[in-house]
């Protein structure tokens, strides 16, 4: 089986994939100081809880937007799984599609992986919205090329900035409001309205501007942990794919394996 590792700014996701099917997944906070030995102890226990062992892993692929985390993940693969990890976007795992932007070398691995997975599942021109530490909008052409996009602060970043820069505003949980009123009666309710409905307005507004600029219909695909939260109060999304990045890693690994 394949161990696919998605190393993001906030969390690392480890997933066991067998013939394209995700068998198990685990999440841990991103910490570039965490050693390969620490990863191994944690992962070994989780594998056993799910009925697997490290011997079941015969391939590893890593996609990361945190360069400092890469070395220890590579050591994990070599030392504990006895395989050399493929690195998404490098060597045999180079991107199989065109990055049609001015600075292709700066496209984040997660965004490129989302493009690969989205194009494999949906036809036509696409817009992928990924709710991570940042919220990204990525345009995918009908040919599968990455055609540019938008980077906006993630909703948790926005809330952190609001709370840390004010003396009396409390920390609140991000949740869908009970109703669609945008006139709050309490401080916490007003904060929730500002964060939640403000974010919905940004999502719908930016997606609409992208569609009008391109002048063509787009299938809108949402991914990331908060996608389902916003799906309750917007008709923007045509599909929600929570594991898009992991699916992209699996597809890229298969492409690299066929290219041996």
C-alpha atoms as a PDB file:
ATOM      1  CA  UNK A   1       0.000   0.000   0.000  1.00  0.00           C
ATOM      2  CA  UNK A   2       0.945   3.615  -0.492  1.00  0.00           C
ATOM      3  CA  UNK A   3       1.570   5.988   2.400  1.00  0.00           C
ATOM      4  CA  UNK A   4       0.605   9.448   1.116  1.00  0.00           C
ATOM      5  CA  UNK A   5       1.749  12.388   3.253  1.00  0.00           C
ATOM      6  CA  UNK A   6       0.277  15.853   2.844  1.00  0.00           C
ATOM      7  CA  UNK A   7       2.370  18.303   4.893  1.00  0.00           C
ATOM      8  CA  UNK A   8       0.458  21.559   5.259  1.00  0.00           C
ATOM      9  CA  UNK A   9       1.143  24.706   7.229  1.00  0.00           C
ATOM     10  CA  UNK A  10      -1.193  23.702  10.076  1.00  0.00           C
ATOM     11  CA  UNK A  11      -1.508  19.904   9.885  1.00  0.00           C
ATOM     12  CA  UNK A  12       0.127  16.860   8.358  1.00  0.00           C
ATOM     13  CA  UNK A  13      -2.188  14.194   6.975  1.00  0.00           C
ATOM     14  CA  UNK A  14      -0.961  10.619   6.609  1.00  0.00           C
ATOM     15  CA  UNK A  15      -3.156   8.319   4.510  1.00  0.00           C
ATOM     16  CA  UNK A  16      -2.918   4.656   3.559  1.00  0.00           C
ATOM     17  CA  UNK A  17      -4.047   4.212  -0.029  1.00  0.00           C
ATOM     18  CA  UNK A  18      -4.643   0.889  -1.764  1.00  0.00           C
ATOM     19  CA  UNK A  19      -5.369   0.971  -5.500  1.00  0.00           C
ATOM     20  CA  UNK A  20      -6.695   4.526  -5.215  1.00  0.00           C
ATOM     21  CA  UNK A  21      -8.912   3.798  -2.201  1.00  0.00           C
ATOM     22  CA  UNK A  22      -8.120   5.513   1.087  1.00  0.00           C
ATOM     23  CA  UNK A  23      -8.057   2.834   3.790  1.00  0.00           C
ATOM     24  CA  UNK A  24      -7.104   5.019   6.749  1.00  0.00           C
ATOM     25  CA  UNK A  25      -6.010   8.573   7.473  1.00  0.00           C
ATOM     26  CA  UNK A  26      -4.458  10.348  10.447  1.00  0.00           C
ATOM     27  CA  UNK A  27      -3.765  13.992  11.213  1.00  0.00           C
ATOM     28  CA  UNK A  28      -1.082  15.604  13.372  1.00  0.00           C
ATOM     29  CA  UNK A  29      -0.131  19.245  13.973  1.00  0.00           C
ATOM     30  CA  UNK A  30       2.697  20.459  11.766  1.00  0.00           C
ATOM     31  CA  UNK A  31       5.973  20.861  13.663  1.00  0.00           C
ATOM     32  CA  UNK A  32       9.170  20.931  11.558  1.00  0.00           C
ATOM     33  CA  UNK A  33      11.144  20.000  14.680  1.00  0.00           C
ATOM     34  CA  UNK A  34       9.386  16.633  14.979  1.00  0.00           C
ATOM     35  CA  UNK A  35      11.879  13.851  14.218  1.00  0.00           C
ATOM     36  CA  UNK A  36      11.474  10.738  12.108  1.00  0.00           C
ATOM     37  CA  UNK A  37      11.617   8.660  15.308  1.00  0.00           C
ATOM     38  CA  UNK A  38       8.731  10.626  16.816  1.00  0.00           C
ATOM     39  CA  UNK A  39       6.661  10.240  13.663  1.00  0.00           C
ATOM     40  CA  UNK A  40       7.377   6.502  13.667  1.00  0.00           C
ATOM     41  CA  UNK A  41       6.260   5.886  17.266  1.00  0.00           C
ATOM     42  CA  UNK A  42       3.014   7.805  16.680  1.00  0.00           C
ATOM     43  CA  UNK A  43       2.307   6.255  13.282  1.00  0.00           C
ATOM     44  CA  UNK A  44       3.172   2.703  14.340  1.00  0.00           C
ATOM     45  CA  UNK A  45       0.522   2.778  17.060  1.00  0.00           C
ATOM     46  CA  UNK A  46      -2.120   4.183  14.702  1.00  0.00           C
ATOM     47  CA  UNK A  47      -1.349   1.590  12.040  1.00  0.00           C
ATOM     48  CA  UNK A  48      -1.849  -1.182  14.585  1.00  0.00           C
ATOM     49  CA  UNK A  49      -5.140   0.309  15.797  1.00  0.00           C
ATOM     50  CA  UNK A  50      -6.434   0.137  12.217  1.00  0.00           C
ATOM     51  CA  UNK A  51      -5.179  -3.431  11.724  1.00  0.00           C
ATOM     52  CA  UNK A  52      -2.133  -2.572   9.600  1.00  0.00           C
ATOM     53  CA  UNK A  53       1.629  -2.693  10.083  1.00  0.00           C
ATOM     54  CA  UNK A  54       4.578  -0.863   8.588  1.00  0.00           C
ATOM     55  CA  UNK A  55       5.244  -3.928   6.422  1.00  0.00           C
ATOM     56  CA  UNK A  56       2.043  -3.150   4.535  1.00  0.00           C
ATOM     57  CA  UNK A  57       3.622   0.053   3.192  1.00  0.00           C
ATOM     58  CA  UNK A  58       5.621  -0.438  -0.015  1.00  0.00           C
ATOM     59  CA  UNK A  59       5.584   3.135  -1.316  1.00  0.00           C
ATOM     60  CA  UNK A  60       5.672   6.656   0.090  1.00  0.00           C
ATOM     61  CA  UNK A  61       4.920   9.994  -1.551  1.00  0.00           C
ATOM     62  CA  UNK A  62       5.176  13.379   0.144  1.00  0.00           C
ATOM     63  CA  UNK A  63       3.569  16.650  -0.838  1.00  0.00           C
ATOM     64  CA  UNK A  64       4.655  19.593   1.285  1.00  0.00           C
ATOM     65  CA  UNK A  65       4.368  23.360   1.510  1.00  0.00           C
ATOM     66  CA  UNK A  66       6.646  23.338   4.575  1.00  0.00           C
ATOM     67  CA  UNK A  67      10.214  22.797   3.313  1.00  0.00           C
ATOM     68  CA  UNK A  68      11.634  22.385   6.838  1.00  0.00           C
ATOM     69  CA  UNK A  69       9.371  19.387   7.461  1.00  0.00           C
ATOM     70  CA  UNK A  70      10.565  17.465   4.415  1.00  0.00           C
ATOM     71  CA  UNK A  71      13.881  16.044   5.664  1.00  0.00           C
ATOM     72  CA  UNK A  72      12.450  14.208   8.676  1.00  0.00           C
ATOM     73  CA  UNK A  73       9.620  12.792   6.569  1.00  0.00           C
ATOM     74  CA  UNK A  74      12.146  11.463   4.070  1.00  0.00           C
ATOM     75  CA  UNK A  75      14.128   9.897   6.926  1.00  0.00           C
ATOM     76  CA  UNK A  76      10.899   8.331   8.219  1.00  0.00           C
ATOM     77  CA  UNK A  77      10.352   6.700   4.844  1.00  0.00           C
ATOM     78  CA  UNK A  78      13.933   5.417   4.505  1.00  0.00           C
ATOM     79  CA  UNK A  79      14.497   4.294   8.097  1.00  0.00           C
ATOM     80  CA  UNK A  80      11.149   2.799   9.040  1.00  0.00           C
ATOM     81  CA  UNK A  81       9.490   1.820   5.757  1.00  0.00           C
ATOM     82  CA  UNK A  82      12.667   0.967   3.811  1.00  0.00           C
ATOM     83  CA  UNK A  83      11.594   2.907   0.727  1.00  0.00           C
ATOM     84  CA  UNK A  84      12.760   6.129  -0.878  1.00  0.00           C
ATOM     85  CA  UNK A  85       9.895   8.612  -0.829  1.00  0.00           C
ATOM     86  CA  UNK A  86       8.804  10.376  -3.976  1.00  0.00           C
ATOM     87  CA  UNK A  87       8.499  14.140  -3.546  1.00  0.00           C
ATOM     88  CA  UNK A  88       5.543  15.727  -5.332  1.00  0.00           C
ATOM     89  CA  UNK A  89       6.771  18.099  -8.030  1.00  0.00           C
ATOM     90  CA  UNK A  90      10.315  16.747  -8.077  1.00  0.00           C
ATOM     91  CA  UNK A  91      12.227  14.092 -10.041  1.00  0.00           C
ATOM     92  CA  UNK A  92      10.103  11.137 -11.128  1.00  0.00           C
ATOM     93  CA  UNK A  93       7.113  12.813  -9.469  1.00  0.00           C
ATOM     94  CA  UNK A  94       7.384  16.013 -11.528  1.00  0.00           C
ATOM     95  CA  UNK A  95       4.058  17.642 -12.315  1.00  0.00           C
ATOM     96  CA  UNK A  96       2.395  15.889 -15.274  1.00  0.00           C
ATOM     97  CA  UNK A  97       0.383  18.955 -16.286  1.00  0.00           C
ATOM     98  CA  UNK A  98       1.157  22.492 -17.387  1.00  0.00           C
ATOM     99  CA  UNK A  99       1.416  25.218 -14.762  1.00  0.00           C
ATOM    100  CA  UNK A 100       0.231  28.092 -16.931  1.00  0.00           C
ATOM    101  CA  UNK A 101       1.259  30.937 -14.619  1.00  0.00           C
ATOM    102  CA  UNK A 102       4.110  33.460 -14.503  1.00  0.00           C
ATOM    103  CA  UNK A 103       5.905  31.774 -11.574  1.00  0.00           C
ATOM    104  CA  UNK A 104       5.254  28.012 -11.903  1.00  0.00           C
ATOM    105  CA  UNK A 105       8.070  27.247  -9.460  1.00  0.00           C
ATOM    106  CA  UNK A 106       6.114  28.978  -6.699  1.00  0.00           C
ATOM    107  CA  UNK A 107       2.871  27.017  -7.063  1.00  0.00           C
ATOM    108  CA  UNK A 108       2.214  25.173  -3.795  1.00  0.00           C
ATOM    109  CA  UNK A 109       2.300  21.391  -3.932  1.00  0.00           C
ATOM    110  CA  UNK A 110      -1.176  21.124  -2.399  1.00  0.00           C
ATOM    111  CA  UNK A 111      -2.655  23.312  -5.112  1.00  0.00           C
ATOM    112  CA  UNK A 112      -1.004  21.359  -7.929  1.00  0.00           C
ATOM    113  CA  UNK A 113      -2.161  18.076  -6.373  1.00  0.00           C
ATOM    114  CA  UNK A 114      -5.717  19.394  -6.144  1.00  0.00           C
ATOM    115  CA  UNK A 115      -5.547  20.240  -9.847  1.00  0.00           C
ATOM    116  CA  UNK A 116      -4.463  16.686 -10.715  1.00  0.00           C
ATOM    117  CA  UNK A 117      -7.240  15.090  -8.666  1.00  0.00           C
ATOM    118  CA  UNK A 118      -9.985  17.499  -9.742  1.00  0.00           C
ATOM    119  CA  UNK A 119      -9.207  17.076 -13.452  1.00  0.00           C
ATOM    120  CA  UNK A 120      -9.247  13.286 -13.059  1.00  0.00           C
ATOM    121  CA  UNK A 121     -12.768  13.377 -11.586  1.00  0.00           C
ATOM    122  CA  UNK A 122     -14.514  16.202 -13.453  1.00  0.00           C
ATOM    123  CA  UNK A 123     -14.580  17.400 -17.051  1.00  0.00           C
ATOM    124  CA  UNK A 124     -14.549  20.920 -18.415  1.00  0.00           C
ATOM    125  CA  UNK A 125     -13.185  24.052 -16.767  1.00  0.00           C
ATOM    126  CA  UNK A 126     -13.005  23.877 -12.985  1.00  0.00           C
ATOM    127  CA  UNK A 127     -12.616  26.083  -9.944  1.00  0.00           C
ATOM    128  CA  UNK A 128     -11.149  24.373  -6.860  1.00  0.00           C
ATOM    129  CA  UNK A 129     -11.601  26.140  -3.513  1.00  0.00           C
ATOM    130  CA  UNK A 130      -9.408  24.724  -0.742  1.00  0.00           C
ATOM    131  CA  UNK A 131     -10.128  25.664   2.876  1.00  0.00           C
ATOM    132  CA  UNK A 132      -6.753  25.392   4.573  1.00  0.00           C
ATOM    133  CA  UNK A 133      -4.549  27.745   6.567  1.00  0.00           C
ATOM    134  CA  UNK A 134      -5.107  29.994   3.566  1.00  0.00           C
ATOM    135  CA  UNK A 135      -8.184  29.705   1.379  1.00  0.00           C
ATOM    136  CA  UNK A 136      -7.123  29.208  -2.224  1.00  0.00           C
ATOM    137  CA  UNK A 137      -9.074  29.461  -5.468  1.00  0.00           C
ATOM    138  CA  UNK A 138      -7.513  27.508  -8.339  1.00  0.00           C
ATOM    139  CA  UNK A 139      -8.654  27.586 -11.965  1.00  0.00           C
ATOM    140  CA  UNK A 140      -8.198  24.354 -13.918  1.00  0.00           C
ATOM    141  CA  UNK A 141      -8.588  24.447 -17.698  1.00  0.00           C
ATOM    142  CA  UNK A 142     -10.489  21.733 -19.552  1.00  0.00           C
ATOM    143  CA  UNK A 143      -7.111  20.334 -20.661  1.00  0.00           C
ATOM    144  CA  UNK A 144      -5.997  19.911 -17.043  1.00  0.00           C
ATOM    145  CA  UNK A 145      -3.607  22.858 -16.881  1.00  0.00           C
ATOM    146  CA  UNK A 146      -3.372  25.047 -13.798  1.00  0.00           C
ATOM    147  CA  UNK A 147      -4.400  28.504 -15.010  1.00  0.00           C
ATOM    148  CA  UNK A 148      -3.964  30.673 -11.907  1.00  0.00           C
ATOM    149  CA  UNK A 149      -6.049  31.630  -8.931  1.00  0.00           C
ATOM    150  CA  UNK A 150      -6.365  33.556  -5.686  1.00  0.00           C
ATOM    151  CA  UNK A 151      -4.888  33.281  -2.191  1.00  0.00           C
ATOM    152  CA  UNK A 152      -6.959  34.673   0.696  1.00  0.00           C
ATOM    153  CA  UNK A 153      -6.520  34.442   4.473  1.00  0.00           C
ATOM    154  CA  UNK A 154      -8.110  31.316   5.927  1.00  0.00           C
ATOM    155  CA  UNK A 155     -11.103  31.849   8.176  1.00  0.00           C
ATOM    156  CA  UNK A 156      -9.162  30.779  11.281  1.00  0.00           C
ATOM    157  CA  UNK A 157      -6.407  33.256  10.433  1.00  0.00           C
ATOM    158  CA  UNK A 158      -9.004  35.989  10.075  1.00  0.00           C
ATOM    159  CA  UNK A 159     -10.536  35.138  13.445  1.00  0.00           C
ATOM    160  CA  UNK A 160      -7.117  34.942  15.134  1.00  0.00           C
ATOM    161  CA  UNK A 161      -6.219  38.383  13.800  1.00  0.00           C
ATOM    162  CA  UNK A 162      -9.515  39.847  15.021  1.00  0.00           C
ATOM    163  CA  UNK A 163      -9.158  38.430  18.529  1.00  0.00           C
ATOM    164  CA  UNK A 164      -5.433  39.118  18.964  1.00  0.00           C
ATOM    165  CA  UNK A 165      -5.728  42.749  17.816  1.00  0.00           C
ATOM    166  CA  UNK A 166      -8.643  43.661  20.100  1.00  0.00           C
ATOM    167  CA  UNK A 167      -8.719  43.957  23.875  1.00  0.00           C
ATOM    168  CA  UNK A 168     -12.240  42.808  24.693  1.00  0.00           C
ATOM    169  CA  UNK A 169     -13.411  40.528  21.889  1.00  0.00           C
ATOM    170  CA  UNK A 170     -13.591  36.868  23.000  1.00  0.00           C
ATOM    171  CA  UNK A 171     -12.466  33.824  21.080  1.00  0.00           C
ATOM    172  CA  UNK A 172     -15.451  32.112  19.506  1.00  0.00           C
ATOM    173  CA  UNK A 173     -16.025  28.826  17.727  1.00  0.00           C
ATOM    174  CA  UNK A 174     -16.571  29.010  13.989  1.00  0.00           C
ATOM    175  CA  UNK A 175     -19.944  27.501  13.205  1.00  0.00           C
ATOM    176  CA  UNK A 176     -22.862  27.990  10.880  1.00  0.00           C
ATOM    177  CA  UNK A 177     -25.339  30.542  12.297  1.00  0.00           C
ATOM    178  CA  UNK A 178     -28.756  29.311  13.428  1.00  0.00           C
ATOM    179  CA  UNK A 179     -30.468  31.702  11.023  1.00  0.00           C
ATOM    180  CA  UNK A 180     -29.610  34.049   8.174  1.00  0.00           C
ATOM    181  CA  UNK A 181     -29.945  37.284  10.109  1.00  0.00           C
ATOM    182  CA  UNK A 182     -27.005  39.648   9.671  1.00  0.00           C
ATOM    183  CA  UNK A 183     -27.952  41.946  12.556  1.00  0.00           C
ATOM    184  CA  UNK A 184     -26.401  40.576  15.736  1.00  0.00           C
ATOM    185  CA  UNK A 185     -27.810  41.213  19.204  1.00  0.00           C
ATOM    186  CA  UNK A 186     -24.750  40.157  21.228  1.00  0.00           C
ATOM    187  CA  UNK A 187     -21.020  40.681  20.805  1.00  0.00           C
ATOM    188  CA  UNK A 188     -20.363  37.005  20.100  1.00  0.00           C
ATOM    189  CA  UNK A 189     -23.242  36.826  17.637  1.00  0.00           C
ATOM    190  CA  UNK A 190     -21.994  39.919  15.828  1.00  0.00           C
ATOM    191  CA  UNK A 191     -18.519  38.378  15.578  1.00  0.00           C
ATOM    192  CA  UNK A 192     -19.931  35.138  14.187  1.00  0.00           C
ATOM    193  CA  UNK A 193     -21.979  37.046  11.616  1.00  0.00           C
ATOM    194  CA  UNK A 194     -18.947  39.064  10.556  1.00  0.00           C
ATOM    195  CA  UNK A 195     -16.699  36.034  10.239  1.00  0.00           C
ATOM    196  CA  UNK A 196     -19.175  33.566   8.742  1.00  0.00           C
ATOM    197  CA  UNK A 197     -21.327  35.694   6.457  1.00  0.00           C
ATOM    198  CA  UNK A 198     -18.347  37.865   5.572  1.00  0.00           C
ATOM    199  CA  UNK A 199     -16.556  34.743   4.423  1.00  0.00           C
ATOM    200  CA  UNK A 200     -19.549  33.481   2.454  1.00  0.00           C
ATOM    201  CA  UNK A 201     -19.723  36.880   0.719  1.00  0.00           C
ATOM    202  CA  UNK A 202     -16.016  36.671  -0.135  1.00  0.00           C
ATOM    203  CA  UNK A 203     -16.357  33.142  -1.516  1.00  0.00           C
ATOM    204  CA  UNK A 204     -19.358  33.943  -3.670  1.00  0.00           C
ATOM    205  CA  UNK A 205     -18.018  37.326  -4.756  1.00  0.00           C
ATOM    206  CA  UNK A 206     -14.585  36.092  -5.833  1.00  0.00           C
ATOM    207  CA  UNK A 207     -16.008  33.024  -7.581  1.00  0.00           C
ATOM    208  CA  UNK A 208     -18.456  35.237  -9.469  1.00  0.00           C
ATOM    209  CA  UNK A 209     -15.673  37.603 -10.546  1.00  0.00           C
ATOM    210  CA  UNK A 210     -13.587  34.659 -11.776  1.00  0.00           C
ATOM    211  CA  UNK A 211     -16.506  33.295 -13.795  1.00  0.00           C
ATOM    212  CA  UNK A 212     -17.237  36.692 -15.334  1.00  0.00           C
ATOM    213  CA  UNK A 213     -13.562  37.263 -16.181  1.00  0.00           C
ATOM    214  CA  UNK A 214     -13.168  33.861 -17.847  1.00  0.00           C
ATOM    215  CA  UNK A 215     -16.543  34.057 -19.566  1.00  0.00           C
ATOM    216  CA  UNK A 216     -17.249  30.343 -19.314  1.00  0.00           C
ATOM    217  CA  UNK A 217     -19.104  28.019 -16.944  1.00  0.00           C
ATOM    218  CA  UNK A 218     -17.013  26.492 -14.158  1.00  0.00           C
ATOM    219  CA  UNK A 219     -17.647  23.443 -12.023  1.00  0.00           C
ATOM    220  CA  UNK A 220     -16.837  24.562  -8.463  1.00  0.00           C
ATOM    221  CA  UNK A 221     -15.227  21.940  -6.234  1.00  0.00           C
ATOM    222  CA  UNK A 222     -14.618  22.537  -2.528  1.00  0.00           C
ATOM    223  CA  UNK A 223     -12.047  20.719  -0.413  1.00  0.00           C
ATOM    224  CA  UNK A 224     -10.561  21.109   3.044  1.00  0.00           C
ATOM    225  CA  UNK A 225     -11.992  20.691   6.518  1.00  0.00           C
ATOM    226  CA  UNK A 226     -14.359  23.673   6.520  1.00  0.00           C
ATOM    227  CA  UNK A 227     -15.952  23.065   3.125  1.00  0.00           C
ATOM    228  CA  UNK A 228     -18.998  21.316   4.602  1.00  0.00           C
ATOM    229  CA  UNK A 229     -19.491  24.158   7.091  1.00  0.00           C
ATOM    230  CA  UNK A 230     -20.062  26.678   4.307  1.00  0.00           C
ATOM    231  CA  UNK A 231     -22.038  24.308   2.119  1.00  0.00           C
ATOM    232  CA  UNK A 232     -24.946  24.743   4.550  1.00  0.00           C
ATOM    233  CA  UNK A 233     -25.494  28.367   3.533  1.00  0.00           C
ATOM    234  CA  UNK A 234     -24.305  28.745  -0.054  1.00  0.00           C
ATOM    235  CA  UNK A 235     -25.157  27.159  -3.383  1.00  0.00           C
ATOM    236  CA  UNK A 236     -21.691  27.950  -4.716  1.00  0.00           C
ATOM    237  CA  UNK A 237     -20.263  24.411  -4.596  1.00  0.00           C
ATOM    238  CA  UNK A 238     -21.113  21.827  -7.228  1.00  0.00           C
ATOM    239  CA  UNK A 239     -19.175  19.133  -5.350  1.00  0.00           C
ATOM    240  CA  UNK A 240     -17.279  18.626  -2.110  1.00  0.00           C
ATOM    241  CA  UNK A 241     -14.176  16.432  -2.186  1.00  0.00           C
ATOM    242  CA  UNK A 242     -12.606  16.284   1.305  1.00  0.00           C
ATOM    243  CA  UNK A 243      -9.628  14.134   0.221  1.00  0.00           C
ATOM    244  CA  UNK A 244      -8.673  15.898  -2.988  1.00  0.00           C
ATOM    245  CA  UNK A 245      -5.007  16.466  -2.052  1.00  0.00           C
ATOM    246  CA  UNK A 246      -4.483  12.849  -0.951  1.00  0.00           C
ATOM    247  CA  UNK A 247      -6.153  11.661  -4.151  1.00  0.00           C
ATOM    248  CA  UNK A 248      -3.755  13.858  -6.104  1.00  0.00           C
ATOM    249  CA  UNK A 249      -0.794  12.286  -4.311  1.00  0.00           C
ATOM    250  CA  UNK A 250      -2.074   8.805  -5.152  1.00  0.00           C
ATOM    251  CA  UNK A 251      -2.572   9.677  -8.831  1.00  0.00           C
ATOM    252  CA  UNK A 252       0.852  11.307  -9.053  1.00  0.00           C
ATOM    253  CA  UNK A 253       2.478   8.241  -7.489  1.00  0.00           C
ATOM    254  CA  UNK A 254       0.761   5.979 -10.021  1.00  0.00           C
ATOM    255  CA  UNK A 255       1.914   8.223 -12.881  1.00  0.00           C
ATOM    256  CA  UNK A 256       5.488   8.136 -11.589  1.00  0.00           C
ATOM    257  CA  UNK A 257       5.371   4.341 -11.172  1.00  0.00           C
ATOM    258  CA  UNK A 258       4.197   3.872 -14.748  1.00  0.00           C
ATOM    259  CA  UNK A 259       7.034   6.100 -15.918  1.00  0.00           C
ATOM    260  CA  UNK A 260       9.774   3.833 -14.523  1.00  0.00           C
END
